[in-house]
């Protein structure tokens, strides 16, 4: 689930989705802005697996848990420790 494996394609792994989130994220973003940006990015890629919203939210949870993002009110911000 977090890493690709026998039953998880590399583009469905949470670390991959998380890297896509960080790639499209500015210094601050809302969840809906990130969802639209990541969905748009994945729709342009050929043979990309569909990304359900709950899987996207799990990737945000992973990024928060490892300290890559933080919250400020309704905004998500990139962690300053990077």
PDB file of N, CA and C in Angstrom:
ATOM      1  N   UNK A   1       0.827  -1.191   0.000  1.00  0.00           N
ATOM      2  CA  UNK A   1       0.000   0.000   0.000  1.00  0.00           C
ATOM      3  C   UNK A   1       0.870   1.253   0.000  1.00  0.00           C
ATOM      4  N   UNK A   2       1.821   1.318   0.888  1.00  0.00           N
ATOM      5  CA  UNK A   2       2.696   2.484   0.925  1.00  0.00           C
ATOM      6  C   UNK A   2       3.728   2.382  -0.188  1.00  0.00           C
ATOM      7  N   UNK A   3       4.314   1.211  -0.333  1.00  0.00           N
ATOM      8  CA  UNK A   3       5.295   0.970  -1.386  1.00  0.00           C
ATOM      9  C   UNK A   3       4.693   0.046  -2.438  1.00  0.00           C
ATOM     10  N   UNK A   4       5.197   0.107  -3.673  1.00  0.00           N
ATOM     11  CA  UNK A   4       4.703  -0.833  -4.685  1.00  0.00           C
ATOM     12  C   UNK A   4       5.080  -2.259  -4.309  1.00  0.00           C
ATOM     13  N   UNK A   5       4.279  -3.174  -4.735  1.00  0.00           N
ATOM     14  CA  UNK A   5       4.545  -4.578  -4.426  1.00  0.00           C
ATOM     15  C   UNK A   5       3.871  -5.483  -5.425  1.00  0.00           C
ATOM     16  N   UNK A   6       3.683  -6.704  -5.022  1.00  0.00           N
ATOM     17  CA  UNK A   6       3.105  -7.708  -5.907  1.00  0.00           C
ATOM     18  C   UNK A   6       1.704  -7.322  -6.373  1.00  0.00           C
ATOM     19  N   UNK A   7       0.914  -6.737  -5.488  1.00  0.00           N
ATOM     20  CA  UNK A   7      -0.471  -6.418  -5.832  1.00  0.00           C
ATOM     21  C   UNK A   7      -0.739  -4.919  -5.955  1.00  0.00           C
ATOM     22  N   UNK A   8       0.286  -4.095  -5.795  1.00  0.00           N
ATOM     23  CA  UNK A   8       0.147  -2.636  -5.901  1.00  0.00           C
ATOM     24  C   UNK A   8       1.063  -2.152  -7.021  1.00  0.00           C
ATOM     25  N   UNK A   9       0.446  -1.597  -8.079  1.00  0.00           N
ATOM     26  CA  UNK A   9       1.240  -1.044  -9.170  1.00  0.00           C
ATOM     27  C   UNK A   9       2.020   0.170  -8.666  1.00  0.00           C
ATOM     28  N   UNK A  10       3.179   0.448  -9.252  1.00  0.00           N
ATOM     29  CA  UNK A  10       3.986   1.578  -8.792  1.00  0.00           C
ATOM     30  C   UNK A  10       3.254   2.921  -8.784  1.00  0.00           C
ATOM     31  N   UNK A  11       2.370   3.168  -9.759  1.00  0.00           N
ATOM     32  CA  UNK A  11       1.680   4.460  -9.775  1.00  0.00           C
ATOM     33  C   UNK A  11       0.513   4.528  -8.792  1.00  0.00           C
ATOM     34  N   UNK A  12       0.188   3.404  -8.132  1.00  0.00           N
ATOM     35  CA  UNK A  12      -0.857   3.400  -7.107  1.00  0.00           C
ATOM     36  C   UNK A  12      -0.281   3.445  -5.694  1.00  0.00           C
ATOM     37  N   UNK A  13       1.006   3.233  -5.555  1.00  0.00           N
ATOM     38  CA  UNK A  13       1.637   3.247  -4.228  1.00  0.00           C
ATOM     39  C   UNK A  13       1.512   4.643  -3.624  1.00  0.00           C
ATOM     40  N   UNK A  14       1.299   4.696  -2.333  1.00  0.00           N
ATOM     41  CA  UNK A  14       1.094   5.988  -1.668  1.00  0.00           C
ATOM     42  C   UNK A  14       2.311   6.893  -1.748  1.00  0.00           C
ATOM     43  N   UNK A  15       3.510   6.334  -1.787  1.00  0.00           N
ATOM     44  CA  UNK A  15       4.691   7.192  -1.929  1.00  0.00           C
ATOM     45  C   UNK A  15       4.723   7.844  -3.303  1.00  0.00           C
ATOM     46  N   UNK A  16       4.257   7.150  -4.309  1.00  0.00           N
ATOM     47  CA  UNK A  16       4.203   7.722  -5.656  1.00  0.00           C
ATOM     48  C   UNK A  16       3.163   8.828  -5.725  1.00  0.00           C
ATOM     49  N   UNK A  17       1.983   8.562  -5.183  1.00  0.00           N
ATOM     50  CA  UNK A  17       0.933   9.583  -5.175  1.00  0.00           C
ATOM     51  C   UNK A  17       1.391  10.778  -4.347  1.00  0.00           C
ATOM     52  N   UNK A  18       2.055  10.519  -3.226  1.00  0.00           N
ATOM     53  CA  UNK A  18       2.585  11.600  -2.403  1.00  0.00           C
ATOM     54  C   UNK A  18       3.614  12.439  -3.135  1.00  0.00           C
ATOM     55  N   UNK A  19       4.451  11.796  -3.937  1.00  0.00           N
ATOM     56  CA  UNK A  19       5.439  12.559  -4.706  1.00  0.00           C
ATOM     57  C   UNK A  19       4.774  13.416  -5.764  1.00  0.00           C
ATOM     58  N   UNK A  20       3.675  12.921  -6.325  1.00  0.00           N
ATOM     59  CA  UNK A  20       2.915  13.723  -7.284  1.00  0.00           C
ATOM     60  C   UNK A  20       2.286  14.932  -6.595  1.00  0.00           C
ATOM     61  N   UNK A  21       1.797  14.724  -5.383  1.00  0.00           N
ATOM     62  CA  UNK A  21       1.227  15.832  -4.611  1.00  0.00           C
ATOM     63  C   UNK A  21       2.293  16.895  -4.361  1.00  0.00           C
ATOM     64  N   UNK A  22       3.461  16.484  -3.910  1.00  0.00           N
ATOM     65  CA  UNK A  22       4.530  17.443  -3.633  1.00  0.00           C
ATOM     66  C   UNK A  22       5.006  18.140  -4.900  1.00  0.00           C
ATOM     67  N   UNK A  23       4.956  17.439  -6.032  1.00  0.00           N
ATOM     68  CA  UNK A  23       5.408  18.021  -7.293  1.00  0.00           C
ATOM     69  C   UNK A  23       4.491  19.157  -7.755  1.00  0.00           C
ATOM     70  N   UNK A  24       3.186  19.024  -7.517  1.00  0.00           N
ATOM     71  CA  UNK A  24       2.252  20.056  -7.993  1.00  0.00           C
ATOM     72  C   UNK A  24       1.934  21.090  -6.917  1.00  0.00           C
ATOM     73  N   UNK A  25       2.384  20.844  -5.703  1.00  0.00           N
ATOM     74  CA  UNK A  25       2.040  21.720  -4.581  1.00  0.00           C
ATOM     75  C   UNK A  25       2.921  22.963  -4.556  1.00  0.00           C
ATOM     76  N   UNK A  26       2.276  24.104  -4.382  1.00  0.00           N
ATOM     77  CA  UNK A  26       3.029  25.329  -4.162  1.00  0.00           C
ATOM     78  C   UNK A  26       3.429  25.399  -2.698  1.00  0.00           C
ATOM     79  N   UNK A  27       3.780  26.585  -2.222  1.00  0.00           N
ATOM     80  CA  UNK A  27       4.122  26.721  -0.805  1.00  0.00           C
ATOM     81  C   UNK A  27       2.911  26.442   0.077  1.00  0.00           C
ATOM     82  N   UNK A  28       1.744  26.892  -0.361  1.00  0.00           N
ATOM     83  CA  UNK A  28       0.489  26.589   0.340  1.00  0.00           C
ATOM     84  C   UNK A  28      -0.561  26.208  -0.693  1.00  0.00           C
ATOM     85  N   UNK A  29      -1.415  25.284  -0.330  1.00  0.00           N
ATOM     86  CA  UNK A  29      -2.484  24.823  -1.217  1.00  0.00           C
ATOM     87  C   UNK A  29      -3.646  24.321  -0.385  1.00  0.00           C
ATOM     88  N   UNK A  30      -4.822  24.322  -0.985  1.00  0.00           N
ATOM     89  CA  UNK A  30      -5.967  23.688  -0.351  1.00  0.00           C
ATOM     90  C   UNK A  30      -6.045  22.247  -0.841  1.00  0.00           C
ATOM     91  N   UNK A  31      -6.808  21.445  -0.146  1.00  0.00           N
ATOM     92  CA  UNK A  31      -6.969  20.044  -0.540  1.00  0.00           C
ATOM     93  C   UNK A  31      -7.611  19.970  -1.922  1.00  0.00           C
ATOM     94  N   UNK A  32      -8.621  20.796  -2.177  1.00  0.00           N
ATOM     95  CA  UNK A  32      -9.299  20.740  -3.474  1.00  0.00           C
ATOM     96  C   UNK A  32      -8.378  21.181  -4.613  1.00  0.00           C
ATOM     97  N   UNK A  33      -7.520  22.167  -4.379  1.00  0.00           N
ATOM     98  CA  UNK A  33      -6.561  22.579  -5.409  1.00  0.00           C
ATOM     99  C   UNK A  33      -5.602  21.434  -5.740  1.00  0.00           C
ATOM    100  N   UNK A  34      -5.122  20.772  -4.708  1.00  0.00           N
ATOM    101  CA  UNK A  34      -4.208  19.649  -4.926  1.00  0.00           C
ATOM    102  C   UNK A  34      -4.890  18.491  -5.631  1.00  0.00           C
ATOM    103  N   UNK A  35      -6.121  18.204  -5.252  1.00  0.00           N
ATOM    104  CA  UNK A  35      -6.875  17.114  -5.874  1.00  0.00           C
ATOM    105  C   UNK A  35      -7.030  17.377  -7.371  1.00  0.00           C
ATOM    106  N   UNK A  36      -7.414  18.593  -7.732  1.00  0.00           N
ATOM    107  CA  UNK A  36      -7.583  18.930  -9.147  1.00  0.00           C
ATOM    108  C   UNK A  36      -6.253  18.860  -9.894  1.00  0.00           C
ATOM    109  N   UNK A  37      -5.185  19.348  -9.290  1.00  0.00           N
ATOM    110  CA  UNK A  37      -3.878  19.348  -9.947  1.00  0.00           C
ATOM    111  C   UNK A  37      -3.353  17.924 -10.145  1.00  0.00           C
ATOM    112  N   UNK A  38      -3.470  17.086  -9.134  1.00  0.00           N
ATOM    113  CA  UNK A  38      -2.984  15.704  -9.241  1.00  0.00           C
ATOM    114  C   UNK A  38      -3.851  14.916 -10.224  1.00  0.00           C
ATOM    115  N   UNK A  39      -5.158  15.111 -10.177  1.00  0.00           N
ATOM    116  CA  UNK A  39      -6.049  14.429 -11.122  1.00  0.00           C
ATOM    117  C   UNK A  39      -5.727  14.824 -12.555  1.00  0.00           C
ATOM    118  N   UNK A  40      -5.474  16.110 -12.761  1.00  0.00           N
ATOM    119  CA  UNK A  40      -5.126  16.597 -14.096  1.00  0.00           C
ATOM    120  C   UNK A  40      -3.796  16.003 -14.563  1.00  0.00           C
ATOM    121  N   UNK A  41      -2.817  15.973 -13.672  1.00  0.00           N
ATOM    122  CA  UNK A  41      -1.514  15.406 -14.003  1.00  0.00           C
ATOM    123  C   UNK A  41      -1.639  13.941 -14.403  1.00  0.00           C
ATOM    124  N   UNK A  42      -2.400  13.182 -13.637  1.00  0.00           N
ATOM    125  CA  UNK A  42      -2.540  11.748 -13.909  1.00  0.00           C
ATOM    126  C   UNK A  42      -3.361  11.482 -15.157  1.00  0.00           C
ATOM    127  N   UNK A  43      -4.323  12.354 -15.484  1.00  0.00           N
ATOM    128  CA  UNK A  43      -5.144  12.131 -16.672  1.00  0.00           C
ATOM    129  C   UNK A  43      -4.335  12.326 -17.959  1.00  0.00           C
ATOM    130  N   UNK A  44      -3.250  13.077 -17.881  1.00  0.00           N
ATOM    131  CA  UNK A  44      -2.409  13.314 -19.054  1.00  0.00           C
ATOM    132  C   UNK A  44      -1.448  12.159 -19.309  1.00  0.00           C
ATOM    133  N   UNK A  45      -1.242  11.321 -18.290  1.00  0.00           N
ATOM    134  CA  UNK A  45      -0.329  10.202 -18.412  1.00  0.00           C
ATOM    135  C   UNK A  45      -1.040   8.992 -19.007  1.00  0.00           C
ATOM    136  N   UNK A  46      -0.390   8.356 -19.950  1.00  0.00           N
ATOM    137  CA  UNK A  46      -0.965   7.171 -20.574  1.00  0.00           C
ATOM    138  C   UNK A  46      -0.840   5.980 -19.629  1.00  0.00           C
ATOM    139  N   UNK A  47      -1.866   5.179 -19.553  1.00  0.00           N
ATOM    140  CA  UNK A  47      -1.902   3.957 -18.736  1.00  0.00           C
ATOM    141  C   UNK A  47      -1.804   4.217 -17.235  1.00  0.00           C
ATOM    142  N   UNK A  48      -2.154   5.402 -16.786  1.00  0.00           N
ATOM    143  CA  UNK A  48      -2.137   5.684 -15.348  1.00  0.00           C
ATOM    144  C   UNK A  48      -3.348   5.019 -14.690  1.00  0.00           C
ATOM    145  N   UNK A  49      -3.136   4.489 -13.520  1.00  0.00           N
ATOM    146  CA  UNK A  49      -4.238   3.888 -12.766  1.00  0.00           C
ATOM    147  C   UNK A  49      -5.176   4.989 -12.294  1.00  0.00           C
ATOM    148  N   UNK A  50      -6.471   4.685 -12.209  1.00  0.00           N
ATOM    149  CA  UNK A  50      -7.389   5.690 -11.660  1.00  0.00           C
ATOM    150  C   UNK A  50      -7.041   5.972 -10.199  1.00  0.00           C
ATOM    151  N   UNK A  51      -7.244   7.219  -9.801  1.00  0.00           N
ATOM    152  CA  UNK A  51      -6.920   7.618  -8.432  1.00  0.00           C
ATOM    153  C   UNK A  51      -8.198   8.023  -7.716  1.00  0.00           C
ATOM    154  N   UNK A  52      -8.703   7.158  -6.838  1.00  0.00           N
ATOM    155  CA  UNK A  52      -9.880   7.550  -6.060  1.00  0.00           C
ATOM    156  C   UNK A  52      -9.511   8.607  -5.011  1.00  0.00           C
ATOM    157  N   UNK A  53     -10.490   9.388  -4.634  1.00  0.00           N
ATOM    158  CA  UNK A  53     -10.251  10.470  -3.681  1.00  0.00           C
ATOM    159  C   UNK A  53      -9.740   9.945  -2.348  1.00  0.00           C
ATOM    160  N   UNK A  54     -10.251   8.815  -1.894  1.00  0.00           N
ATOM    161  CA  UNK A  54      -9.802   8.293  -0.599  1.00  0.00           C
ATOM    162  C   UNK A  54      -8.330   7.874  -0.644  1.00  0.00           C
ATOM    163  N   UNK A  55      -7.856   7.401  -1.779  1.00  0.00           N
ATOM    164  CA  UNK A  55      -6.447   7.051  -1.924  1.00  0.00           C
ATOM    165  C   UNK A  55      -5.589   8.313  -1.893  1.00  0.00           C
ATOM    166  N   UNK A  56      -6.096   9.389  -2.511  1.00  0.00           N
ATOM    167  CA  UNK A  56      -5.425  10.685  -2.485  1.00  0.00           C
ATOM    168  C   UNK A  56      -5.307  11.188  -1.044  1.00  0.00           C
ATOM    169  N   UNK A  57      -6.380  11.073  -0.272  1.00  0.00           N
ATOM    170  CA  UNK A  57      -6.372  11.507   1.131  1.00  0.00           C
ATOM    171  C   UNK A  57      -5.395  10.663   1.950  1.00  0.00           C
ATOM    172  N   UNK A  58      -5.309   9.375   1.662  1.00  0.00           N
ATOM    173  CA  UNK A  58      -4.324   8.531   2.350  1.00  0.00           C
ATOM    174  C   UNK A  58      -2.904   9.012   2.067  1.00  0.00           C
ATOM    175  N   UNK A  59      -2.646   9.463   0.839  1.00  0.00           N
ATOM    176  CA  UNK A  59      -1.306   9.977   0.528  1.00  0.00           C
ATOM    177  C   UNK A  59      -1.031  11.266   1.298  1.00  0.00           C
ATOM    178  N   UNK A  60      -2.045  12.115   1.482  1.00  0.00           N
ATOM    179  CA  UNK A  60      -1.874  13.319   2.296  1.00  0.00           C
ATOM    180  C   UNK A  60      -1.581  12.948   3.748  1.00  0.00           C
ATOM    181  N   UNK A  61      -2.259  11.932   4.253  1.00  0.00           N
ATOM    182  CA  UNK A  61      -2.009  11.459   5.616  1.00  0.00           C
ATOM    183  C   UNK A  61      -0.584  10.948   5.768  1.00  0.00           C
ATOM    184  N   UNK A  62      -0.097  10.234   4.767  1.00  0.00           N
ATOM    185  CA  UNK A  62       1.275   9.743   4.802  1.00  0.00           C
ATOM    186  C   UNK A  62       2.261  10.909   4.795  1.00  0.00           C
ATOM    187  N   UNK A  63       2.029  11.901   3.925  1.00  0.00           N
ATOM    188  CA  UNK A  63       2.920  13.059   3.870  1.00  0.00           C
ATOM    189  C   UNK A  63       2.924  13.813   5.196  1.00  0.00           C
ATOM    190  N   UNK A  64       1.771  13.917   5.837  1.00  0.00           N
ATOM    191  CA  UNK A  64       1.686  14.574   7.141  1.00  0.00           C
ATOM    192  C   UNK A  64       2.427  13.761   8.202  1.00  0.00           C
ATOM    193  N   UNK A  65       2.257  12.449   8.163  1.00  0.00           N
ATOM    194  CA  UNK A  65       2.885  11.580   9.161  1.00  0.00           C
ATOM    195  C   UNK A  65       4.410  11.611   9.077  1.00  0.00           C
ATOM    196  N   UNK A  66       4.955  11.760   7.879  1.00  0.00           N
ATOM    197  CA  UNK A  66       6.413  11.793   7.747  1.00  0.00           C
ATOM    198  C   UNK A  66       6.967  13.207   7.831  1.00  0.00           C
ATOM    199  N   UNK A  67       6.090  14.191   8.012  1.00  0.00           N
ATOM    200  CA  UNK A  67       6.530  15.566   8.208  1.00  0.00           C
ATOM    201  C   UNK A  67       6.813  16.342   6.932  1.00  0.00           C
ATOM    202  N   UNK A  68       6.340  15.849   5.799  1.00  0.00           N
ATOM    203  CA  UNK A  68       6.581  16.539   4.532  1.00  0.00           C
ATOM    204  C   UNK A  68       5.627  17.714   4.334  1.00  0.00           C
ATOM    205  N   UNK A  69       4.439  17.623   4.933  1.00  0.00           N
ATOM    206  CA  UNK A  69       3.470  18.718   4.867  1.00  0.00           C
ATOM    207  C   UNK A  69       2.939  18.989   6.264  1.00  0.00           C
ATOM    208  N   UNK A  70       2.375  20.164   6.430  1.00  0.00           N
ATOM    209  CA  UNK A  70       1.748  20.549   7.694  1.00  0.00           C
ATOM    210  C   UNK A  70       0.478  21.316   7.363  1.00  0.00           C
ATOM    211  N   UNK A  71      -0.286  21.651   8.375  1.00  0.00           N
ATOM    212  CA  UNK A  71      -1.519  22.405   8.160  1.00  0.00           C
ATOM    213  C   UNK A  71      -1.433  23.765   8.822  1.00  0.00           C
ATOM    214  N   UNK A  72      -2.106  24.697   8.205  1.00  0.00           N
ATOM    215  CA  UNK A  72      -2.280  26.029   8.778  1.00  0.00           C
ATOM    216  C   UNK A  72      -3.711  26.433   8.447  1.00  0.00           C
ATOM    217  N   UNK A  73      -4.593  26.234   9.398  1.00  0.00           N
ATOM    218  CA  UNK A  73      -6.012  26.484   9.129  1.00  0.00           C
ATOM    219  C   UNK A  73      -6.515  25.506   8.088  1.00  0.00           C
ATOM    220  N   UNK A  74      -7.068  26.043   6.996  1.00  0.00           N
ATOM    221  CA  UNK A  74      -7.580  25.207   5.910  1.00  0.00           C
ATOM    222  C   UNK A  74      -6.534  24.924   4.839  1.00  0.00           C
ATOM    223  N   UNK A  75      -5.319  25.390   5.025  1.00  0.00           N
ATOM    224  CA  UNK A  75      -4.279  25.245   4.016  1.00  0.00           C
ATOM    225  C   UNK A  75      -3.295  24.142   4.378  1.00  0.00           C
ATOM    226  N   UNK A  76      -2.769  23.508   3.367  1.00  0.00           N
ATOM    227  CA  UNK A  76      -1.662  22.575   3.527  1.00  0.00           C
ATOM    228  C   UNK A  76      -0.407  23.317   3.116  1.00  0.00           C
ATOM    229  N   UNK A  77       0.641  23.191   3.893  1.00  0.00           N
ATOM    230  CA  UNK A  77       1.893  23.871   3.576  1.00  0.00           C
ATOM    231  C   UNK A  77       3.016  22.835   3.528  1.00  0.00           C
ATOM    232  N   UNK A  78       3.993  23.095   2.657  1.00  0.00           N
ATOM    233  CA  UNK A  78       5.166  22.234   2.635  1.00  0.00           C
ATOM    234  C   UNK A  78       5.946  22.473   3.918  1.00  0.00           C
ATOM    235  N   UNK A  79       6.462  21.411   4.470  1.00  0.00           N
ATOM    236  CA  UNK A  79       7.209  21.506   5.721  1.00  0.00           C
ATOM    237  C   UNK A  79       8.464  22.341   5.519  1.00  0.00           C
ATOM    238  N   UNK A  80       8.761  23.194   6.489  1.00  0.00           N
ATOM    239  CA  UNK A  80       9.931  24.062   6.390  1.00  0.00           C
ATOM    240  C   UNK A  80      11.222  23.329   6.706  1.00  0.00           C
ATOM    241  N   UNK A  81      11.129  22.109   7.206  1.00  0.00           N
ATOM    242  CA  UNK A  81      12.332  21.362   7.568  1.00  0.00           C
ATOM    243  C   UNK A  81      12.968  20.686   6.357  1.00  0.00           C
ATOM    244  N   UNK A  82      12.373  20.807   5.171  1.00  0.00           N
ATOM    245  CA  UNK A  82      12.921  20.167   3.981  1.00  0.00           C
ATOM    246  C   UNK A  82      13.968  21.011   3.347  1.00  0.00           C
TER     247      UNK A  82
END
